[in-house]
Protein backbone atom coordinates (compact mmCIF):
# COMPACT_ATOMS: atom_id res chain seq x y z
CA MET A 1 -24.92 -127.43 62.40
CA ALA A 2 -23.30 -126.60 59.09
CA MET A 3 -24.35 -123.41 57.33
CA ASN A 4 -25.96 -125.40 54.50
CA LEU A 5 -28.13 -127.16 57.07
CA ALA A 6 -29.61 -123.94 58.47
CA PRO A 7 -33.37 -123.62 57.97
CA ARG A 8 -34.47 -122.00 54.74
CA TYR A 9 -36.90 -119.65 56.49
CA PRO A 10 -36.36 -117.38 59.52
CA LEU A 11 -37.12 -118.67 63.00
CA VAL A 12 -39.52 -116.51 65.02
CA LEU A 13 -39.38 -117.15 68.77
CA VAL A 14 -42.64 -116.42 70.61
CA HIS A 15 -42.58 -116.08 74.41
CA GLY A 16 -45.25 -117.25 76.82
CA MET A 17 -47.18 -115.58 79.61
CA LEU A 18 -45.10 -113.03 81.54
CA GLY A 19 -42.51 -113.32 78.82
CA PHE A 20 -40.16 -110.78 77.28
CA VAL A 21 -37.39 -110.55 74.71
CA SER A 22 -34.46 -109.28 76.76
CA LEU A 23 -34.49 -107.84 80.27
CA ALA A 24 -31.40 -105.67 80.72
CA GLY A 25 -29.54 -107.93 78.30
CA TYR A 26 -30.93 -111.17 79.73
CA SER A 27 -32.70 -113.18 77.04
CA TYR A 28 -35.94 -115.08 77.60
CA TRP A 29 -34.42 -117.65 75.24
CA TYR A 30 -31.23 -117.84 77.29
CA GLY A 31 -28.46 -119.30 75.13
CA ILE A 32 -30.97 -120.67 72.62
CA ASP A 33 -31.19 -117.67 70.31
CA THR A 34 -27.41 -117.23 70.21
CA ALA A 35 -26.81 -120.95 69.55
CA LEU A 36 -29.30 -120.93 66.68
CA ARG A 37 -27.66 -117.89 65.14
CA ALA A 38 -24.22 -119.44 65.55
CA ALA A 39 -25.55 -122.45 63.66
CA GLY A 40 -26.48 -120.23 60.73
CA ALA A 41 -30.19 -119.66 61.34
CA THR A 42 -31.90 -116.30 61.01
CA VAL A 43 -33.61 -115.71 64.36
CA HIS A 44 -36.06 -113.08 65.58
CA ALA A 45 -37.61 -112.99 69.04
CA VAL A 46 -40.88 -111.06 69.19
CA ARG A 47 -42.60 -109.24 72.05
CA LEU A 48 -46.29 -109.73 72.79
CA SER A 49 -48.47 -108.65 75.70
CA ALA A 50 -47.03 -110.35 78.75
CA VAL A 51 -50.53 -111.10 80.02
CA HIS A 52 -53.58 -111.17 77.79
CA GLY A 53 -55.93 -113.53 76.00
CA ASN A 54 -55.08 -115.78 73.09
CA THR A 55 -56.80 -113.72 70.39
CA VAL A 56 -55.18 -110.43 71.41
CA ARG A 57 -51.72 -112.00 71.51
CA GLY A 58 -52.40 -113.85 68.27
CA GLU A 59 -53.32 -110.60 66.49
CA GLN A 60 -50.14 -108.98 67.81
CA LEU A 61 -48.06 -111.84 66.45
CA LEU A 62 -49.91 -111.73 63.14
CA ALA A 63 -48.94 -108.08 62.68
CA GLN A 64 -45.33 -108.75 63.58
CA VAL A 65 -45.05 -111.71 61.21
CA GLU A 66 -46.42 -109.53 58.41
CA ALA A 67 -43.83 -106.84 59.21
CA LEU A 68 -40.97 -109.36 59.44
CA ARG A 69 -41.83 -110.90 56.08
CA ALA A 70 -41.65 -107.47 54.49
CA GLU A 71 -38.45 -106.51 56.33
CA LEU A 72 -36.62 -109.75 55.51
CA GLY A 73 -38.13 -110.43 52.14
CA ALA A 74 -39.13 -113.85 53.46
CA GLU A 75 -42.10 -115.64 51.95
CA ARG A 76 -42.68 -117.66 55.10
CA VAL A 77 -41.39 -118.05 58.67
CA HIS A 78 -41.05 -120.79 61.28
CA LEU A 79 -42.95 -120.05 64.49
CA ILE A 80 -41.57 -121.56 67.71
CA GLY A 81 -43.82 -120.77 70.67
CA HIS A 82 -43.21 -121.51 74.32
CA SER A 83 -46.23 -122.03 76.59
CA GLN A 84 -49.00 -119.56 75.61
CA GLY A 85 -46.76 -118.52 72.72
CA ALA A 86 -47.65 -121.84 71.09
CA LEU A 87 -51.31 -120.78 70.97
CA SER A 88 -50.30 -117.44 69.43
CA ALA A 89 -48.32 -119.30 66.77
CA ARG A 90 -51.25 -121.63 66.05
CA TYR A 91 -53.52 -118.61 65.63
CA VAL A 92 -51.29 -117.06 62.97
CA ALA A 93 -50.83 -120.35 61.11
CA ALA A 94 -54.59 -120.93 61.05
CA LEU A 95 -55.37 -117.47 59.68
CA ARG A 96 -52.37 -117.05 57.33
CA PRO A 97 -51.00 -120.52 56.52
CA GLN A 98 -49.29 -119.12 53.43
CA TRP A 99 -47.03 -117.07 55.73
CA VAL A 100 -45.97 -119.97 57.95
CA ALA A 101 -43.67 -122.89 57.12
CA SER A 102 -44.00 -124.58 60.50
CA VAL A 103 -45.39 -124.21 64.00
CA THR A 104 -43.48 -125.73 66.90
CA SER A 105 -45.21 -125.91 70.26
CA VAL A 106 -42.79 -125.99 73.21
CA ALA A 107 -44.65 -126.95 76.39
CA GLY A 108 -47.77 -125.42 74.87
CA PRO A 109 -51.09 -125.76 76.76
CA ASN A 110 -52.82 -127.09 73.66
CA GLN A 111 -55.62 -128.65 75.74
CA GLY A 112 -55.44 -126.05 78.52
CA SER A 113 -53.55 -125.88 81.79
CA GLU A 114 -54.80 -127.54 84.96
CA VAL A 115 -53.08 -124.75 86.91
CA ALA A 116 -55.40 -122.20 85.27
CA ASP A 117 -58.36 -124.48 85.99
CA TYR A 118 -57.34 -124.72 89.66
CA LEU A 119 -57.00 -120.94 90.01
CA GLN A 120 -60.35 -120.33 88.34
CA LEU A 121 -62.01 -122.83 90.67
CA HIS A 122 -60.49 -121.49 93.88
CA LEU A 123 -60.45 -117.75 93.08
CA GLN A 124 -64.08 -116.80 92.63
CA PRO A 125 -65.03 -114.25 89.93
CA GLY A 126 -65.26 -110.77 91.42
CA GLY A 127 -63.55 -111.89 94.62
CA ARG A 128 -60.77 -109.94 96.25
CA PRO A 129 -58.08 -112.69 95.90
CA ARG A 130 -58.69 -112.90 92.14
CA ARG A 131 -58.46 -109.11 91.79
CA TRP A 132 -55.24 -109.07 93.86
CA LEU A 133 -53.70 -111.77 91.67
CA ALA A 134 -54.67 -109.86 88.54
CA ASN A 135 -53.29 -106.56 89.83
CA ILE A 136 -50.00 -108.11 90.96
CA THR A 137 -49.58 -109.96 87.67
CA GLN A 138 -50.36 -106.91 85.56
CA GLY A 139 -48.04 -104.77 87.69
CA LEU A 140 -45.23 -107.26 87.17
CA ALA A 141 -45.91 -107.26 83.44
CA LEU A 142 -45.67 -103.45 83.37
CA VAL A 143 -42.34 -103.46 85.21
CA MET A 144 -40.97 -106.11 82.86
CA GLN A 145 -42.07 -104.10 79.84
CA GLY A 146 -40.16 -101.12 81.16
CA LEU A 147 -37.00 -103.23 81.44
CA ASP A 148 -37.37 -105.03 78.12
CA SER A 149 -34.77 -103.75 75.69
CA ALA A 150 -37.07 -104.73 72.80
CA ALA A 151 -39.81 -102.42 74.10
CA ASP A 152 -40.63 -99.40 71.97
CA ASP A 153 -43.12 -96.58 72.37
CA ARG A 154 -46.02 -99.00 72.25
CA VAL A 155 -47.64 -99.80 75.60
CA LEU A 156 -49.03 -103.26 75.05
CA PRO A 157 -52.37 -103.99 76.71
CA ARG A 158 -52.48 -106.20 79.80
CA ASP A 159 -55.36 -108.32 81.08
CA ALA A 160 -54.44 -111.05 83.55
CA LEU A 161 -58.03 -112.22 84.02
CA GLU A 162 -58.47 -112.68 80.27
CA SER A 163 -55.25 -114.67 80.20
CA LEU A 164 -56.41 -116.87 83.09
CA GLN A 165 -59.73 -117.53 81.38
CA ASP A 166 -58.16 -118.30 78.01
CA LEU A 167 -55.55 -120.71 79.42
CA GLY A 168 -58.04 -122.92 81.28
CA SER A 169 -59.40 -126.07 79.67
CA GLU A 170 -62.70 -124.43 78.70
CA GLY A 171 -61.01 -121.38 77.21
CA VAL A 172 -58.58 -123.48 75.18
CA ALA A 173 -61.39 -125.80 74.08
CA ALA A 174 -63.17 -122.78 72.58
CA PHE A 175 -59.90 -121.73 70.92
CA ASN A 176 -59.38 -125.27 69.56
CA ALA A 177 -62.88 -125.34 68.08
CA ARG A 178 -61.89 -122.38 65.90
CA TYR A 179 -58.28 -123.40 65.24
CA PRO A 180 -57.96 -127.22 65.31
CA GLN A 181 -54.98 -127.54 62.99
CA GLY A 182 -52.45 -130.12 64.22
CA LEU A 183 -54.47 -131.26 67.24
CA PRO A 184 -54.58 -135.02 68.02
CA ALA A 185 -57.88 -136.77 67.38
CA LEU A 186 -57.19 -139.02 70.37
CA TRP A 187 -55.91 -138.01 73.80
CA GLY A 188 -52.17 -138.54 74.02
CA GLY A 189 -51.79 -139.15 70.30
CA GLU A 190 -50.31 -137.11 67.48
CA GLY A 191 -52.07 -134.66 65.22
CA GLU A 192 -51.69 -134.29 61.49
CA HIS A 193 -48.09 -133.46 60.71
CA GLU A 194 -49.02 -131.04 57.94
CA VAL A 195 -52.15 -128.93 57.49
CA ASP A 196 -52.65 -126.32 54.75
CA GLY A 197 -48.95 -126.56 53.92
CA VAL A 198 -47.85 -125.86 57.52
CA ARG A 199 -45.79 -128.45 59.41
CA TYR A 200 -46.73 -128.93 63.07
CA TYR A 201 -44.33 -130.12 65.78
CA SER A 202 -44.28 -130.23 69.55
CA TRP A 203 -42.14 -131.18 72.52
CA SER A 204 -42.50 -130.79 76.27
CA GLY A 205 -41.15 -132.08 79.57
CA THR A 206 -42.15 -133.56 82.90
CA LEU A 207 -41.01 -133.17 86.47
CA GLN A 208 -38.93 -136.23 87.30
CA PRO A 209 -37.86 -136.53 90.96
CA GLY A 210 -34.21 -137.42 91.24
CA ILE A 211 -33.47 -135.77 87.89
CA THR A 212 -35.20 -132.43 87.41
CA ASP A 213 -34.58 -131.45 91.03
CA GLN A 214 -30.87 -132.23 90.88
CA GLY A 215 -27.80 -130.45 89.54
CA ARG A 216 -28.05 -126.67 89.40
CA ASN A 217 -31.83 -126.98 89.58
CA ARG A 218 -31.44 -127.67 93.32
CA PHE A 219 -30.76 -123.94 93.69
CA ASP A 220 -33.36 -122.72 91.18
CA PRO A 221 -36.46 -121.22 92.88
CA SER A 222 -38.48 -121.65 89.67
CA GLN A 223 -38.03 -125.43 89.95
CA ARG A 224 -39.55 -125.30 93.40
CA LEU A 225 -42.40 -123.15 92.09
CA CYS A 226 -43.10 -125.70 89.34
CA ARG A 227 -43.16 -128.50 91.91
CA LEU A 228 -45.66 -126.47 93.95
CA PHE A 229 -47.91 -125.83 90.95
CA SER A 230 -47.74 -129.49 89.97
CA ARG A 231 -50.01 -130.20 92.95
CA CYS A 232 -52.85 -128.56 91.00
CA PHE A 233 -52.89 -131.42 88.49
CA VAL A 234 -55.46 -134.19 88.65
CA ARG A 235 -55.84 -135.65 85.16
CA GLU A 236 -52.10 -135.45 84.52
CA ALA A 237 -50.80 -135.80 88.05
CA GLY A 238 -47.20 -136.94 87.81
CA GLN A 239 -47.18 -136.25 84.07
CA ASN A 240 -46.62 -132.50 83.89
CA ASP A 241 -43.89 -129.87 83.96
CA GLY A 242 -45.52 -127.87 86.73
CA MET A 243 -47.59 -125.72 84.38
CA VAL A 244 -48.65 -127.90 81.45
CA GLY A 245 -49.58 -131.56 81.25
CA ARG A 246 -47.54 -133.87 79.10
CA PHE A 247 -50.37 -135.13 76.88
CA SER A 248 -52.12 -131.76 76.88
CA SER A 249 -49.07 -130.38 75.08
CA HIS A 250 -49.26 -132.72 72.06
CA LEU A 251 -49.53 -131.08 68.64
CA GLY A 252 -48.66 -132.42 65.21
CA GLN A 253 -45.51 -134.53 65.19
CA VAL A 254 -44.54 -135.10 68.83
CA ILE A 255 -40.76 -135.00 69.06
CA ARG A 256 -40.87 -135.99 72.73
CA SER A 257 -43.16 -135.10 75.64
CA ASP A 258 -41.17 -136.42 78.58
CA TYR A 259 -37.92 -134.50 78.47
CA PRO A 260 -36.58 -134.05 82.02
CA PHE A 261 -37.48 -130.35 82.01
CA ASP A 262 -39.78 -128.22 84.12
CA HIS A 263 -41.79 -125.49 82.41
CA LEU A 264 -38.91 -122.99 82.48
CA ASP A 265 -36.03 -125.44 82.00
CA ILE A 266 -37.37 -125.99 78.51
CA VAL A 267 -36.34 -122.44 77.58
CA ASN A 268 -33.07 -122.82 79.51
CA GLN A 269 -34.07 -120.71 82.53
CA GLN A 270 -32.83 -119.58 85.01
CA LEU A 271 -29.35 -118.80 83.66
CA GLY A 272 -29.30 -122.32 82.25
CA ALA A 273 -29.94 -123.90 85.65
CA VAL A 274 -31.47 -127.21 84.59
CA GLY A 275 -31.26 -130.76 85.85
CA PRO A 276 -28.77 -133.28 84.43
CA GLY A 277 -29.43 -135.41 81.38
CA VAL A 278 -30.50 -133.26 78.44
CA ASP A 279 -29.29 -129.89 77.20
CA PRO A 280 -32.33 -127.75 76.23
CA VAL A 281 -30.24 -125.61 73.87
CA ALA A 282 -29.22 -128.70 71.91
CA VAL A 283 -32.90 -129.63 71.46
CA TYR A 284 -33.54 -126.36 69.59
CA VAL A 285 -30.42 -126.66 67.46
CA GLU A 286 -31.41 -130.21 66.53
CA HIS A 287 -34.87 -128.99 65.62
CA ALA A 288 -33.39 -126.34 63.34
CA ARG A 289 -31.50 -129.16 61.62
CA ARG A 290 -34.76 -131.12 61.37
CA LEU A 291 -36.46 -128.19 59.64
CA ALA A 292 -33.54 -127.76 57.26
CA GLU A 293 -33.47 -131.43 56.34
CA ALA A 294 -37.21 -131.21 55.59
CA GLY A 295 -36.40 -128.50 53.04
CA LEU A 296 -37.86 -125.78 55.22
């Protein structure tokens, strides 16, 4: 991507649940952030609570976007959110549309995740298994925060049960009632491409036997985990990436919702171990070109 085709505004990368910026030099956006910078884009990855509800994470992102605008002298930013990070990005754009040029949802659970629904159904409130899951998840989040090179003196709050509640279909439906910008009016359709001056985009992937389980993904334990979680899906059985349903992910202009990616392939994890066919890094670089060509 030529320098004159770099986006006009900075790109802000927003991680999902159990996300980070850089663990001991290992980027959540493995190879993506460096490729975007090499193409001339200004890129900032932000750190939010690894596990918490949508409003808490949204407020954290809101504060960081305000600080980045001041630091960079940028009128607006592009928000690219993976998984729950897409909901955080939507929150900021809904509350401060004048700060945001575009929101891009990458495998975002914009209608909720059937995995969260399954866990809520089978792990009863107040039960020991649910408490164990919460404690393990929050403990993992604390360890990751300690290893994250972007961590500072702030100890970000953690609440795995709030995250679980907010990522289920009922929790996201309540979120959508407050922040509907870019959502499709019809299931599986597209939403408005522009709302309050903010462009909305989305892309996602699906598990595709014979493709996503081949190549280096044959040795990737996260691919096997996604295949296991895919068994939780009913409405979008066979049309999901292991964490998020294909049509549940739609927001604004849908670039594509059936890339041969599992939920972590789409951010080029682990160490770029993805199936054959499509390079996830190239998808982001092409999107940066798309934003630039739109004058953004």
